[in-house]
Every structure is written in structure tokens, then in C-alpha cells.
Amino acid sequence: MIRTKLRQRREELNLSYKDVADLANISKPGYWQIENGKRGVSYNTAISIARALNTTPDSIFLDIRLTKTEQKMQTTS
């Protein structure tokens, strides 16, 4: 899900892997690995990537879908 959001947003802005990496101040291979699910992302890097993509970290890196257990917890609270 995250990698899909990253790729979609990057493509919406007509940016290459290198463009995003440069804007986020990370290496091109590092960004490629994040977008392709080969590597995790730190909080600071998530913020840098979101800024490079002119969006918020939550809109890319937060998956708001809840599991069935989490849904039950919310309805019983």
C-alpha cells in the first residue's frame, strides 16, 4: 500500500526516483528501496519524502484500514 501511494504521488508530480531522492536529501537507491518495499523508512525520512512530494507523511505512510480486532475494539469503547 505504501509503495503504491509513493509511486502514484511521484508520478502525479512527474518526478523521477532521482528527483524525489534529491528533494528528500536521500540516495536514489535508498528512495527506490523504500518505494519498492525493500527497506523501511525512519520518521525523519518519511517527513523528508512527504515534503518532497508536497504532501503529509500520514497521507503516504499511514494505512488507516483497521483489522477486524481493531474495529471491534472501537465499537466496544
N, C-alpha and C. Protein backbone atom coordinates (compact mmCIF):
# COMPACT_ATOMS: atom_id res chain seq x y z
N MET A 1 0.82 -1.20 0.00
CA MET A 1 0.00 0.00 0.00
C MET A 1 0.86 1.26 0.00
N ILE A 2 1.87 1.31 0.88
CA ILE A 2 2.72 2.49 0.95
C ILE A 2 3.44 2.71 -0.38
N ARG A 3 4.00 1.63 -0.91
CA ARG A 3 4.75 1.82 -2.15
C ARG A 3 3.85 2.27 -3.29
N THR A 4 2.60 1.85 -3.29
CA THR A 4 1.65 2.30 -4.32
C THR A 4 1.39 3.80 -4.16
N LYS A 5 1.20 4.24 -2.93
CA LYS A 5 0.96 5.66 -2.68
C LYS A 5 2.17 6.49 -3.09
N LEU A 6 3.36 6.01 -2.75
CA LEU A 6 4.57 6.74 -3.13
C LEU A 6 4.69 6.86 -4.64
N ARG A 7 4.54 5.75 -5.33
CA ARG A 7 4.68 5.75 -6.78
C ARG A 7 3.61 6.65 -7.42
N GLN A 8 2.37 6.52 -6.97
CA GLN A 8 1.29 7.32 -7.55
C GLN A 8 1.56 8.81 -7.39
N ARG A 9 1.96 9.20 -6.18
CA ARG A 9 2.21 10.62 -5.92
C ARG A 9 3.40 11.12 -6.73
N ARG A 10 4.46 10.32 -6.80
CA ARG A 10 5.64 10.70 -7.57
C ARG A 10 5.27 10.89 -9.04
N GLU A 11 4.48 9.96 -9.57
CA GLU A 11 4.08 10.04 -10.97
C GLU A 11 3.12 11.20 -11.22
N GLU A 12 2.23 11.50 -10.27
CA GLU A 12 1.33 12.66 -10.40
C GLU A 12 2.12 13.94 -10.59
N LEU A 13 3.27 14.02 -9.90
CA LEU A 13 4.11 15.22 -9.97
C LEU A 13 5.15 15.14 -11.08
N ASN A 14 5.10 14.07 -11.86
CA ASN A 14 6.05 13.86 -12.96
C ASN A 14 7.50 13.91 -12.47
N LEU A 15 7.75 13.24 -11.36
CA LEU A 15 9.10 13.19 -10.79
C LEU A 15 9.71 11.81 -10.99
N SER A 16 11.01 11.78 -11.14
CA SER A 16 11.74 10.51 -11.22
C SER A 16 12.16 10.09 -9.82
N TYR A 17 12.68 8.86 -9.71
CA TYR A 17 13.24 8.42 -8.42
C TYR A 17 14.31 9.41 -7.97
N LYS A 18 15.17 9.80 -8.91
CA LYS A 18 16.27 10.71 -8.58
C LYS A 18 15.74 12.06 -8.11
N ASP A 19 14.70 12.56 -8.77
CA ASP A 19 14.12 13.84 -8.36
C ASP A 19 13.67 13.80 -6.90
N VAL A 20 12.92 12.77 -6.55
CA VAL A 20 12.42 12.66 -5.17
C VAL A 20 13.58 12.48 -4.20
N ALA A 21 14.52 11.63 -4.56
CA ALA A 21 15.68 11.40 -3.69
C ALA A 21 16.43 12.71 -3.45
N ASP A 22 16.66 13.46 -4.49
CA ASP A 22 17.37 14.74 -4.35
C ASP A 22 16.59 15.72 -3.48
N LEU A 23 15.28 15.81 -3.71
CA LEU A 23 14.45 16.73 -2.92
C LEU A 23 14.38 16.31 -1.45
N ALA A 24 14.42 15.00 -1.21
CA ALA A 24 14.33 14.49 0.16
C ALA A 24 15.71 14.35 0.81
N ASN A 25 16.75 14.63 0.05
CA ASN A 25 18.12 14.54 0.53
C ASN A 25 18.51 13.12 0.97
N ILE A 26 18.11 12.15 0.15
CA ILE A 26 18.50 10.76 0.37
C ILE A 26 19.05 10.22 -0.95
N SER A 27 19.66 9.06 -0.90
CA SER A 27 20.23 8.50 -2.12
C SER A 27 19.12 7.96 -3.03
N LYS A 28 19.41 7.94 -4.33
CA LYS A 28 18.45 7.38 -5.28
C LYS A 28 18.18 5.92 -4.97
N PRO A 29 19.22 5.09 -4.75
CA PRO A 29 18.95 3.68 -4.42
C PRO A 29 18.13 3.55 -3.12
N GLY A 30 18.40 4.43 -2.16
CA GLY A 30 17.65 4.40 -0.90
C GLY A 30 16.18 4.68 -1.12
N TYR A 31 15.89 5.70 -1.92
CA TYR A 31 14.48 6.00 -2.20
C TYR A 31 13.83 4.87 -2.98
N TRP A 32 14.53 4.35 -3.98
CA TRP A 32 13.99 3.24 -4.78
C TRP A 32 13.63 2.07 -3.87
N GLN A 33 14.51 1.74 -2.92
CA GLN A 33 14.25 0.64 -2.00
C GLN A 33 13.01 0.90 -1.14
N ILE A 34 12.84 2.12 -0.70
CA ILE A 34 11.65 2.47 0.11
C ILE A 34 10.39 2.32 -0.75
N GLU A 35 10.41 2.92 -1.93
CA GLU A 35 9.22 2.88 -2.79
C GLU A 35 8.88 1.45 -3.22
N ASN A 36 9.86 0.59 -3.32
CA ASN A 36 9.63 -0.78 -3.76
C ASN A 36 9.54 -1.78 -2.61
N GLY A 37 9.41 -1.29 -1.38
CA GLY A 37 9.19 -2.16 -0.23
C GLY A 37 10.38 -3.00 0.17
N LYS A 38 11.57 -2.61 -0.24
CA LYS A 38 12.78 -3.37 0.09
C LYS A 38 13.44 -2.87 1.36
N ARG A 39 12.96 -1.73 1.87
CA ARG A 39 13.57 -1.10 3.03
C ARG A 39 12.52 -0.30 3.78
N GLY A 40 12.66 -0.26 5.08
CA GLY A 40 11.77 0.55 5.90
C GLY A 40 12.17 2.02 5.82
N VAL A 41 11.42 2.83 6.52
CA VAL A 41 11.67 4.27 6.48
C VAL A 41 11.62 4.83 7.89
N SER A 42 12.57 5.69 8.23
CA SER A 42 12.57 6.33 9.54
C SER A 42 11.56 7.47 9.54
N TYR A 43 11.24 7.94 10.71
CA TYR A 43 10.30 9.06 10.86
C TYR A 43 10.81 10.29 10.10
N ASN A 44 12.07 10.63 10.30
CA ASN A 44 12.63 11.82 9.65
C ASN A 44 12.66 11.68 8.13
N THR A 45 12.98 10.48 7.65
CA THR A 45 12.99 10.26 6.22
C THR A 45 11.58 10.33 5.66
N ALA A 46 10.60 9.81 6.39
CA ALA A 46 9.21 9.90 5.94
C ALA A 46 8.78 11.35 5.79
N ILE A 47 9.18 12.18 6.71
CA ILE A 47 8.86 13.61 6.63
C ILE A 47 9.54 14.23 5.42
N SER A 48 10.80 13.91 5.19
CA SER A 48 11.54 14.46 4.05
C SER A 48 10.91 14.04 2.73
N ILE A 49 10.52 12.78 2.63
CA ILE A 49 9.89 12.30 1.39
C ILE A 49 8.54 12.97 1.19
N ALA A 50 7.76 13.09 2.24
CA ALA A 50 6.46 13.75 2.12
C ALA A 50 6.61 15.19 1.67
N ARG A 51 7.58 15.89 2.22
CA ARG A 51 7.82 17.27 1.79
C ARG A 51 8.21 17.32 0.32
N ALA A 52 9.07 16.39 -0.08
CA ALA A 52 9.49 16.35 -1.49
C ALA A 52 8.30 16.11 -2.41
N LEU A 53 7.31 15.37 -1.92
CA LEU A 53 6.12 15.07 -2.71
C LEU A 53 4.97 16.04 -2.43
N ASN A 54 5.27 17.09 -1.67
CA ASN A 54 4.29 18.14 -1.37
C ASN A 54 3.00 17.57 -0.78
N THR A 55 3.18 16.72 0.24
CA THR A 55 2.04 16.13 0.93
C THR A 55 2.43 15.88 2.38
N THR A 56 1.59 15.18 3.11
CA THR A 56 1.88 14.88 4.51
C THR A 56 2.38 13.45 4.66
N PRO A 57 3.17 13.19 5.69
CA PRO A 57 3.61 11.81 5.93
C PRO A 57 2.44 10.85 6.12
N ASP A 58 1.41 11.29 6.84
CA ASP A 58 0.26 10.42 7.08
C ASP A 58 -0.43 10.00 5.80
N SER A 59 -0.52 10.89 4.83
CA SER A 59 -1.24 10.56 3.60
C SER A 59 -0.52 9.47 2.81
N ILE A 60 0.78 9.30 3.05
CA ILE A 60 1.54 8.28 2.33
C ILE A 60 1.84 7.07 3.21
N PHE A 61 2.29 7.32 4.41
CA PHE A 61 2.84 6.24 5.22
C PHE A 61 1.88 5.65 6.25
N LEU A 62 0.72 6.27 6.45
CA LEU A 62 -0.25 5.77 7.42
C LEU A 62 -1.33 5.00 6.68
N ASP A 63 -1.50 3.74 7.05
CA ASP A 63 -2.55 2.92 6.47
C ASP A 63 -3.71 2.93 7.45
N ILE A 64 -4.81 3.57 7.08
CA ILE A 64 -5.90 3.76 8.02
C ILE A 64 -6.88 2.60 8.08
N ARG A 65 -6.64 1.57 7.30
CA ARG A 65 -7.53 0.41 7.37
C ARG A 65 -7.31 -0.30 8.70
N LEU A 66 -8.39 -0.64 9.35
CA LEU A 66 -8.33 -1.32 10.64
C LEU A 66 -8.58 -2.82 10.47
N THR A 67 -7.91 -3.59 11.30
CA THR A 67 -8.18 -5.03 11.31
C THR A 67 -9.53 -5.26 11.96
N LYS A 68 -10.08 -6.45 11.84
CA LYS A 68 -11.36 -6.77 12.46
C LYS A 68 -11.28 -6.62 13.98
N THR A 69 -10.16 -7.00 14.57
CA THR A 69 -9.97 -6.85 16.02
C THR A 69 -9.99 -5.37 16.41
N GLU A 70 -9.30 -4.54 15.65
CA GLU A 70 -9.28 -3.11 15.94
C GLU A 70 -10.67 -2.50 15.77
N GLN A 71 -11.42 -2.95 14.78
CA GLN A 71 -12.78 -2.45 14.58
C GLN A 71 -13.65 -2.80 15.77
N LYS A 72 -13.54 -4.04 16.28
CA LYS A 72 -14.31 -4.45 17.44
C LYS A 72 -13.96 -3.62 18.65
N MET A 73 -12.68 -3.33 18.83
CA MET A 73 -12.23 -2.53 19.97
C MET A 73 -12.84 -1.15 19.92
N GLN A 74 -12.98 -0.57 18.74
CA GLN A 74 -13.54 0.76 18.62
C GLN A 74 -15.04 0.78 18.91
N THR A 75 -15.74 -0.27 18.55
CA THR A 75 -17.18 -0.31 18.78
C THR A 75 -17.52 -0.63 20.23
N THR A 76 -16.61 -1.25 20.97
CA THR A 76 -16.88 -1.58 22.36
C THR A 76 -16.34 -0.51 23.30
N SER A 77 -15.62 0.45 22.78
CA SER A 77 -15.05 1.52 23.63
C SER A 77 -16.07 2.59 23.90
